[in-house]
Amino acid sequence: MKSMIKDIKLAPSGHDKINWVKNFMPVLNAIDKEYSVSKPFAGKKLIMTIHLEAKTAYLALVMRNAGADVTVTGSNPLSTQDDVAAALVEEGINVFAWHDCTDEEYEEFLNRALDTKPDIIIDDGGDLVNLIHTTRRELLPNIIGGSEETTTGVLRLKALAKAGKLEFPMMAANDAYCKYLFDNRYGTGQSTWDGIMRTTNLVIAGKNVVIAGYGWCGKGGAMRAKGLGANVIVTEVDPIKAIEAVFDGFRVMTMDEAAKIGDIFLTLTGDKDVIRDRHFAVMKNGAMMANAGHFDVEINIPELEAQSVSRRTVRNNIEEFLQTDGRKLYLLAKGRLVNLASGDGHPAEIMDLSFGVQFFSALHILNDHKELKNEVYVLPSEVDTKLAEIKLASMGVTIDELTEEQREYLGI
């Protein structure tokens, strides 16, 4: 099946990007060294629907080297990097993706990938699983299981499983310690502000930054904003997380209150309509909004457009919405993931752990799918520990070990 990409001539810079991140991904390097020899995925077809950039491309190559027949497509219209997609095609991997595709093209790419009749899937956000359970149910007999990268996707999976409608076992890669403790907190924290600062070229220090949602991604976004000198405000619906934000030194209030004083708004909830018409109506002139949740529904863009006099692009990835009273509100990256649409996503060292989790999640499905029920599973803790040990060793860090007496005392 012929790949669908923007331009194969872009491949050289894509290869450079992939080769660069390899230098900072020791976990994947160790996995590649071991499993490129044993090739456990030989004879299996694998689809990766994930943000298509250099780190993801390296995971695809590691899966290919481990024997899998790999197909890649993007999980977000604005996160695909066309040169990386071209580089993967030159490596012999099927790719269906290009940057800034339409909604129709996005769904076509997913369906083209599914036409390969996969055995295992790696999803990001749940769109692939949704298609398989609705319009592509003829593929169900082929699929032995898969894994999910994001909080949003895991929530969708758990809802499906709770309703008794999940048709194959799925690994919640997002819920592994070596994923959410680092990826969601340190990865999102750094890459989100990298995207915002790269796009706006404005100072963060001294501004009122409103963080919507204090989950692991929200914690990271708030921590990095504080480090940049911002006055951080947190909005939450969970009383426990709200208390945690207070104890972490942040102001906590409703979005109705925060909307009046915020300079930069960052949504990280995974839910819809977090910022909507009544909030836009009271925002300050010049207020900026960005999203780091998976889908572009956290900021209600149709309501924003409906109450605006005009909508125009004033800088790459920044749209100005002129209000009837003359105020100008700014939306970054069309409300999509600002760290990927306006930046390069999480740092390589962080995704090294996340993609180690993804590799072993797929391997767990491969080896144990016959014993697994159609439920959502978390990676065994000993695998998390193995990944952490590899990472620490690569950093030259050693830790203590329990003595036999200590183990006995603890009941281990």
Protein backbone atom coordinates (compact mmCIF):
# COMPACT_ATOMS: atom_id res chain seq x y z
CA MET A 1 0.00 0.00 0.00
CA LYS A 2 1.40 3.37 -1.04
CA SER A 3 2.09 5.91 1.72
CA MET A 4 0.40 9.33 1.74
CA ILE A 5 2.78 12.11 2.82
CA LYS A 6 3.47 15.72 1.85
CA ASP A 7 6.83 15.42 0.05
CA ILE A 8 9.44 12.63 0.05
CA LYS A 9 12.13 15.22 -0.76
CA LEU A 10 11.86 16.51 2.83
CA ALA A 11 13.36 13.27 4.16
CA PRO A 12 16.98 14.44 4.76
CA SER A 13 16.03 16.88 7.53
CA GLY A 14 13.73 14.24 8.97
CA HIS A 15 16.62 11.79 9.22
CA ASP A 16 18.68 14.48 10.96
CA LYS A 17 15.94 15.01 13.56
CA ILE A 18 15.61 11.27 14.24
CA ASN A 19 19.37 10.80 14.53
CA TRP A 20 19.53 13.74 16.95
CA VAL A 21 16.96 12.35 19.40
CA LYS A 22 18.59 8.90 19.36
CA ASN A 23 21.51 10.43 21.26
CA PHE A 24 19.21 11.23 24.20
CA MET A 25 17.02 8.13 24.36
CA PRO A 26 19.11 5.47 26.13
CA VAL A 27 16.09 3.38 27.15
CA LEU A 28 14.97 2.92 23.55
CA ASN A 29 18.59 2.35 22.54
CA ALA A 30 18.86 -0.49 25.06
CA ILE A 31 15.53 -1.96 23.91
CA ASP A 32 16.61 -1.74 20.28
CA LYS A 33 19.91 -3.47 21.01
CA GLU A 34 18.20 -6.40 22.72
CA TYR A 35 15.05 -6.93 20.69
CA SER A 36 16.43 -6.24 17.21
CA VAL A 37 18.17 -9.59 17.66
CA SER A 38 15.28 -11.69 19.03
CA LYS A 39 12.60 -9.93 16.88
CA PRO A 40 9.58 -10.91 19.01
CA PHE A 41 7.12 -9.04 16.77
CA ALA A 42 8.09 -10.93 13.60
CA GLY A 43 5.02 -11.61 11.48
CA LYS A 44 2.84 -9.08 13.34
CA LYS A 45 1.31 -5.93 11.88
CA LEU A 46 1.40 -2.85 14.13
CA ILE A 47 -0.32 0.51 13.71
CA MET A 48 0.95 3.57 15.58
CA THR A 49 -1.50 6.49 15.64
CA ILE A 50 0.47 9.03 17.58
CA HIS A 51 1.97 12.53 17.25
CA LEU A 52 4.30 12.06 14.29
CA GLU A 53 7.61 13.69 15.12
CA ALA A 54 11.20 12.55 15.65
CA LYS A 55 10.83 10.72 18.98
CA THR A 56 7.77 8.87 17.73
CA ALA A 57 9.61 8.00 14.54
CA TYR A 58 12.41 6.42 16.53
CA LEU A 59 9.88 4.26 18.41
CA ALA A 60 8.47 3.18 15.03
CA LEU A 61 11.96 2.18 13.90
CA VAL A 62 12.60 0.26 17.12
CA MET A 63 9.31 -1.61 16.64
CA ARG A 64 10.29 -2.31 13.03
CA ASN A 65 13.71 -3.58 14.12
CA ALA A 66 11.95 -5.86 16.62
CA GLY A 67 10.22 -7.55 13.70
CA ALA A 68 6.92 -5.68 13.38
CA ASP A 69 5.38 -4.59 10.08
CA VAL A 70 4.80 -0.97 11.13
CA THR A 71 2.30 1.58 9.81
CA VAL A 72 2.23 5.12 11.22
CA THR A 73 -0.38 7.84 11.07
CA GLY A 74 -0.80 11.09 13.00
CA SER A 75 -3.07 11.61 16.01
CA ASN A 76 -3.42 15.36 15.54
CA PRO A 77 -3.62 17.39 12.29
CA LEU A 78 -1.11 19.99 13.49
CA SER A 79 1.49 17.79 15.20
CA THR A 80 2.76 15.87 12.16
CA GLN A 81 6.19 16.96 10.94
CA ASP A 82 6.33 16.34 7.20
CA ASP A 83 10.09 15.83 7.02
CA VAL A 84 9.95 13.14 9.69
CA ALA A 85 7.08 11.41 7.88
CA ALA A 86 9.17 11.40 4.71
CA ALA A 87 12.17 9.95 6.54
CA LEU A 88 10.08 7.06 7.83
CA VAL A 89 8.87 6.29 4.32
CA GLU A 90 12.48 6.13 3.17
CA GLU A 91 13.04 3.63 6.00
CA GLY A 92 10.36 1.38 4.47
CA ILE A 93 7.56 2.22 6.91
CA ASN A 94 4.01 2.93 5.74
CA VAL A 95 2.97 6.48 6.65
CA PHE A 96 -0.41 8.17 6.19
CA ALA A 97 -0.12 11.73 7.49
CA TRP A 98 0.74 15.30 6.66
CA HIS A 99 0.76 18.55 8.58
CA ASP A 100 -2.47 20.59 8.79
CA CYS A 101 -4.65 17.95 7.18
CA THR A 102 -8.41 18.46 7.06
CA ASP A 103 -10.76 16.48 9.27
CA GLU A 104 -11.71 14.41 6.24
CA GLU A 105 -8.07 13.69 5.39
CA TYR A 106 -7.36 12.82 9.02
CA GLU A 107 -10.08 10.16 9.04
CA GLU A 108 -8.97 8.87 5.65
CA PHE A 109 -5.43 8.42 6.99
CA LEU A 110 -6.73 6.42 9.95
CA ASN A 111 -8.78 4.21 7.66
CA ARG A 112 -5.88 3.72 5.24
CA ALA A 113 -3.77 2.56 8.17
CA LEU A 114 -6.52 0.21 9.31
CA ASP A 115 -6.67 -1.27 5.80
CA THR A 116 -3.38 -3.00 6.67
CA LYS A 117 -5.39 -5.25 9.05
CA PRO A 118 -3.28 -4.80 12.20
CA ASP A 119 -2.66 -7.31 14.97
CA ILE A 120 -1.61 -4.69 17.55
CA ILE A 121 -2.37 -0.97 17.83
CA ILE A 122 -0.71 1.93 19.65
CA ASP A 123 -3.29 4.71 20.02
CA ASP A 124 -3.12 8.33 21.18
CA GLY A 125 -6.44 9.80 22.24
CA GLY A 126 -8.65 6.85 21.35
CA ASP A 127 -9.62 7.71 17.76
CA LEU A 128 -8.24 4.46 16.38
CA VAL A 129 -10.03 2.32 18.98
CA ASN A 130 -13.24 4.25 18.32
CA LEU A 131 -13.10 3.54 14.59
CA ILE A 132 -12.42 -0.15 15.13
CA HIS A 133 -15.40 -0.41 17.48
CA THR A 134 -17.77 1.46 15.14
CA THR A 135 -17.21 1.60 11.38
CA ARG A 136 -14.33 -0.88 11.09
CA ARG A 137 -15.63 -3.79 13.15
CA GLU A 138 -14.62 -6.26 10.45
CA LEU A 139 -11.06 -5.90 11.76
CA LEU A 140 -11.87 -7.13 15.27
CA PRO A 141 -10.97 -10.81 14.64
CA ASN A 142 -7.42 -9.78 13.67
CA ILE A 143 -6.64 -7.57 16.68
CA ILE A 144 -5.08 -9.13 19.76
CA GLY A 145 -4.86 -5.82 21.69
CA GLY A 146 -2.99 -2.58 22.01
CA SER A 147 -1.95 0.34 24.21
CA GLU A 148 -3.03 3.93 24.77
CA GLU A 149 -0.71 6.90 25.28
CA THR A 150 -2.90 9.61 26.82
CA THR A 151 -5.12 10.40 29.80
CA THR A 152 -7.96 11.30 27.43
CA GLY A 153 -7.65 8.00 25.57
CA VAL A 154 -7.52 5.96 28.77
CA LEU A 155 -10.70 7.64 30.03
CA ARG A 156 -12.43 6.70 26.77
CA LEU A 157 -11.18 3.13 27.07
CA LYS A 158 -12.35 2.77 30.67
CA ALA A 159 -15.80 4.06 29.72
CA LEU A 160 -15.94 1.51 26.91
CA ALA A 161 -14.82 -1.29 29.22
CA LYS A 162 -17.28 -0.26 31.94
CA ALA A 163 -20.10 -0.49 29.39
CA GLY A 164 -18.90 -4.00 28.47
CA LYS A 165 -18.17 -2.91 24.90
CA LEU A 166 -14.35 -3.13 24.76
CA GLU A 167 -13.59 -5.90 22.25
CA PHE A 168 -9.90 -6.56 23.01
CA PRO A 169 -7.43 -5.96 25.88
CA MET A 170 -5.73 -2.57 26.04
CA MET A 171 -2.74 -1.41 28.06
CA ALA A 172 -3.07 2.01 29.72
CA ALA A 173 0.48 3.10 28.93
CA ASN A 174 -0.45 6.52 30.30
CA ASP A 175 -1.05 5.04 33.76
CA ALA A 176 2.42 3.53 34.16
CA TYR A 177 4.59 5.35 36.73
CA CYS A 178 7.37 5.91 34.19
CA LYS A 179 4.86 7.62 31.95
CA TYR A 180 2.67 9.97 33.95
CA LEU A 181 5.18 10.92 36.66
CA PHE A 182 7.60 12.19 34.03
CA ASP A 183 5.84 12.64 30.69
CA ASN A 184 2.72 14.34 31.99
CA ARG A 185 4.50 16.44 34.61
CA TYR A 186 7.98 17.31 33.34
CA GLY A 187 7.30 16.72 29.63
CA THR A 188 4.08 18.73 29.42
CA GLY A 189 5.42 21.32 31.84
CA GLN A 190 8.44 22.14 29.71
CA SER A 191 7.15 21.58 26.19
CA THR A 192 3.94 23.57 26.71
CA TRP A 193 5.77 26.70 27.80
CA ASP A 194 8.34 26.15 25.09
CA GLY A 195 5.51 26.23 22.53
CA ILE A 196 3.86 29.30 24.07
CA MET A 197 7.08 31.29 24.35
CA ARG A 198 8.29 30.28 20.89
CA THR A 199 4.97 31.37 19.38
CA THR A 200 4.39 34.63 21.25
CA ASN A 201 7.97 35.79 21.96
CA LEU A 202 6.60 37.40 25.12
CA VAL A 203 7.78 37.32 28.72
CA ILE A 204 6.01 35.02 31.21
CA ALA A 205 7.41 36.62 34.37
CA GLY A 206 4.92 38.89 36.12
CA LYS A 207 1.88 37.68 34.18
CA ASN A 208 -1.21 36.08 35.71
CA VAL A 209 -1.21 32.53 34.35
CA VAL A 210 -4.40 30.52 34.75
CA ILE A 211 -3.92 26.74 34.78
CA ALA A 212 -7.19 24.89 34.20
CA GLY A 213 -6.89 21.44 35.76
CA TYR A 214 -4.41 20.23 38.37
CA GLY A 215 -3.83 16.67 37.25
CA TRP A 216 -0.30 15.54 36.41
CA CYS A 217 -0.19 17.73 33.29
CA GLY A 218 -1.60 20.70 35.20
CA LYS A 219 0.97 20.21 37.96
CA GLY A 220 3.73 20.37 35.37
CA GLY A 221 2.31 23.43 33.67
CA ALA A 222 1.89 25.25 36.98
CA MET A 223 5.34 24.29 38.24
CA ARG A 224 7.10 25.58 35.11
CA ALA A 225 5.01 28.77 34.99
CA LYS A 226 5.99 29.47 38.60
CA GLY A 227 9.63 28.86 37.70
CA LEU A 228 9.33 31.41 34.90
CA GLY A 229 8.12 34.03 37.38
CA ALA A 230 4.39 33.94 36.68
CA ASN A 231 1.63 34.55 39.23
CA VAL A 232 -0.09 31.18 38.97
CA ILE A 233 -3.83 30.65 39.44
CA VAL A 234 -5.37 27.16 39.35
CA THR A 235 -8.98 26.26 38.54
CA GLU A 236 -10.29 22.82 39.48
CA VAL A 237 -13.47 20.75 39.93
CA ASP A 238 -11.85 18.16 42.22
CA PRO A 239 -11.70 19.33 45.88
CA ILE A 240 -8.66 17.15 46.67
CA LYS A 241 -6.64 18.45 43.73
CA ALA A 242 -7.71 21.98 44.61
CA ILE A 243 -6.35 21.56 48.16
CA GLU A 244 -3.13 20.17 46.72
CA ALA A 245 -2.78 23.24 44.51
CA VAL A 246 -3.30 25.50 47.53
CA PHE A 247 -0.68 23.59 49.53
CA ASP A 248 1.70 23.85 46.55
CA GLY A 249 1.47 27.63 46.90
CA PHE A 250 -1.01 28.53 44.14
CA ARG A 251 -4.15 30.62 44.21
CA VAL A 252 -7.28 28.57 43.53
CA MET A 253 -10.54 30.05 42.25
CA THR A 254 -13.32 29.43 39.74
CA MET A 255 -12.81 30.09 36.05
CA ASP A 256 -15.48 32.81 36.31
CA GLU A 257 -13.21 34.68 38.73
CA ALA A 258 -9.95 33.85 36.98
CA ALA A 259 -11.26 34.95 33.57
CA LYS A 260 -11.30 38.56 34.76
CA ILE A 261 -7.64 38.71 35.77
CA GLY A 262 -5.76 36.16 33.65
CA ASP A 263 -3.16 37.16 31.08
CA ILE A 264 -2.45 33.63 29.80
CA PHE A 265 -4.91 30.74 30.06
CA LEU A 266 -3.75 27.14 29.69
CA THR A 267 -6.25 24.26 29.69
CA LEU A 268 -5.10 20.76 30.68
CA THR A 269 -8.28 18.95 31.72
CA GLY A 270 -9.28 16.55 28.94
CA ASP A 271 -12.83 17.92 29.14
CA LYS A 272 -14.86 20.26 26.94
CA ASP A 273 -16.04 23.86 27.43
CA VAL A 274 -13.56 24.69 30.18
CA ILE A 275 -13.37 28.24 28.80
CA ARG A 276 -16.50 29.48 27.03
CA ASP A 277 -18.65 32.49 26.12
CA ARG A 278 -19.22 33.94 29.60
CA HIS A 279 -15.48 33.79 30.25
CA PHE A 280 -14.55 35.45 26.94
CA ALA A 281 -16.97 38.26 27.79
CA VAL A 282 -14.96 39.37 30.85
CA MET A 283 -11.38 38.69 29.74
CA LYS A 284 -8.85 41.49 29.62
CA ASN A 285 -7.74 43.00 26.34
CA GLY A 286 -4.79 40.97 25.08
CA ALA A 287 -5.59 37.79 27.00
CA MET A 288 -4.06 34.69 25.42
CA MET A 289 -5.49 31.17 25.45
CA ALA A 290 -3.72 27.88 24.77
CA ASN A 291 -4.61 24.22 25.22
CA ALA A 292 -2.47 21.25 26.24
CA GLY A 293 -5.31 18.74 26.51
CA HIS A 294 -5.66 16.19 23.73
CA PHE A 295 -8.62 17.58 21.76
CA ASP A 296 -9.45 21.14 20.64
CA VAL A 297 -12.67 21.34 22.68
CA GLU A 298 -11.42 22.67 26.01
CA ILE A 299 -11.66 26.25 24.72
CA ASN A 300 -15.06 26.63 23.05
CA ILE A 301 -13.89 28.10 19.76
CA PRO A 302 -17.32 28.25 18.04
CA GLU A 303 -18.65 30.38 20.91
CA LEU A 304 -15.57 32.59 20.78
CA GLU A 305 -16.00 33.11 17.06
CA ALA A 306 -19.74 33.74 17.39
CA GLN A 307 -19.24 36.67 19.73
CA SER A 308 -16.32 38.17 17.77
CA VAL A 309 -16.40 40.84 15.12
CA SER A 310 -13.50 39.30 13.22
CA ARG A 311 -11.03 36.39 13.34
CA ARG A 312 -7.64 36.69 11.72
CA THR A 313 -4.13 35.28 11.95
CA VAL A 314 -1.75 37.91 13.29
CA ARG A 315 1.34 35.75 13.74
CA ASN A 316 2.14 32.13 12.96
CA ASN A 317 -0.09 30.01 15.22
CA ILE A 318 -1.76 33.04 16.82
CA GLU A 319 -5.32 34.09 15.91
CA GLU A 320 -6.85 37.37 17.01
CA PHE A 321 -10.56 37.49 17.90
CA LEU A 322 -11.78 41.10 17.92
CA GLN A 323 -14.66 41.69 20.34
CA THR A 324 -17.51 44.15 19.87
CA ASP A 325 -16.08 46.43 22.57
CA GLY A 326 -12.66 46.56 20.90
CA ARG A 327 -10.91 43.99 23.10
CA LYS A 328 -8.57 41.58 21.34
CA LEU A 329 -8.38 37.97 22.55
CA TYR A 330 -5.74 35.62 21.21
CA LEU A 331 -5.93 31.87 20.58
CA LEU A 332 -2.75 29.86 20.10
CA ALA A 333 -2.44 26.88 17.71
CA LYS A 334 -6.16 26.80 16.89
CA GLY A 335 -6.84 25.43 20.36
CA ARG A 336 -4.94 22.24 19.63
CA LEU A 337 -1.99 20.89 21.59
CA VAL A 338 0.20 23.96 21.82
CA ASN A 339 3.34 22.01 22.72
CA LEU A 340 3.18 20.04 19.47
CA ALA A 341 1.42 22.47 17.13
CA SER A 342 3.73 25.33 18.16
CA GLY A 343 6.75 23.32 19.28
CA ASP A 344 8.49 19.96 19.05
CA GLY A 345 6.63 18.22 21.87
CA HIS A 346 8.14 16.69 24.96
CA PRO A 347 11.93 16.51 25.39
CA ALA A 348 13.61 13.37 24.06
CA GLU A 349 14.80 12.28 27.51
CA ILE A 350 11.18 12.27 28.73
CA MET A 351 9.68 10.46 25.75
CA ASP A 352 12.43 7.88 26.13
CA LEU A 353 10.64 6.63 29.26
CA SER A 354 7.16 6.95 27.75
CA PHE A 355 8.07 5.01 24.64
CA GLY A 356 9.85 2.39 26.72
CA VAL A 357 6.47 1.91 28.40
CA GLN A 358 4.81 1.71 24.98
CA PHE A 359 7.24 -0.94 23.74
CA PHE A 360 6.77 -3.17 26.76
CA SER A 361 3.01 -2.62 26.71
CA ALA A 362 2.90 -3.94 23.15
CA LEU A 363 5.20 -6.81 24.14
CA HIS A 364 2.92 -7.66 27.08
CA ILE A 365 -0.07 -7.81 24.71
CA LEU A 366 1.90 -9.97 22.30
CA ASN A 367 3.00 -12.48 24.93
CA ASP A 368 -0.05 -12.59 27.22
CA HIS A 369 -3.11 -11.64 25.16
CA LYS A 370 -4.61 -15.13 25.41
CA GLU A 371 -4.76 -14.81 29.20
CA LEU A 372 -6.07 -11.24 29.19
CA LYS A 373 -9.73 -10.26 29.31
CA ASN A 374 -11.20 -7.42 27.27
CA GLU A 375 -10.26 -4.87 29.91
CA VAL A 376 -7.83 -1.99 30.50
CA TYR A 377 -4.54 -3.03 32.11
CA VAL A 378 -1.52 -1.25 33.58
CA LEU A 379 2.04 -2.38 32.90
CA PRO A 380 3.40 -4.72 35.62
CA SER A 381 5.39 -2.77 38.22
CA GLU A 382 8.58 -4.78 37.62
CA VAL A 383 8.69 -3.46 34.05
CA ASP A 384 8.38 0.12 35.32
CA THR A 385 11.27 -0.62 37.67
CA LYS A 386 13.36 -2.04 34.83
CA LEU A 387 12.83 1.11 32.76
CA ALA A 388 13.82 3.33 35.69
CA GLU A 389 16.98 1.26 36.27
CA ILE A 390 18.02 1.62 32.61
CA LYS A 391 17.40 5.37 32.76
CA LEU A 392 19.33 5.85 35.99
CA ALA A 393 22.28 3.85 34.65
CA SER A 394 22.38 6.03 31.53
CA MET A 395 22.54 9.10 33.78
CA GLY A 396 25.38 7.68 35.87
CA VAL A 397 23.18 7.55 38.98
CA THR A 398 23.45 4.69 41.49
CA ILE A 399 21.10 3.98 44.37
CA ASP A 400 21.18 1.88 47.54
CA GLU A 401 19.99 -1.71 47.72
CA LEU A 402 18.14 -3.32 50.61
CA THR A 403 20.04 -5.84 52.71
CA GLU A 404 18.48 -9.23 53.35
CA GLU A 405 17.72 -8.12 56.91
CA GLN A 406 15.97 -4.98 55.62
CA ARG A 407 13.95 -6.99 53.12
CA GLU A 408 12.88 -9.39 55.83
CA TYR A 409 11.93 -6.48 58.12
CA LEU A 410 9.74 -5.00 55.37
CA GLY A 411 8.20 -8.36 54.55
CA ILE A 412 9.57 -8.44 51.01
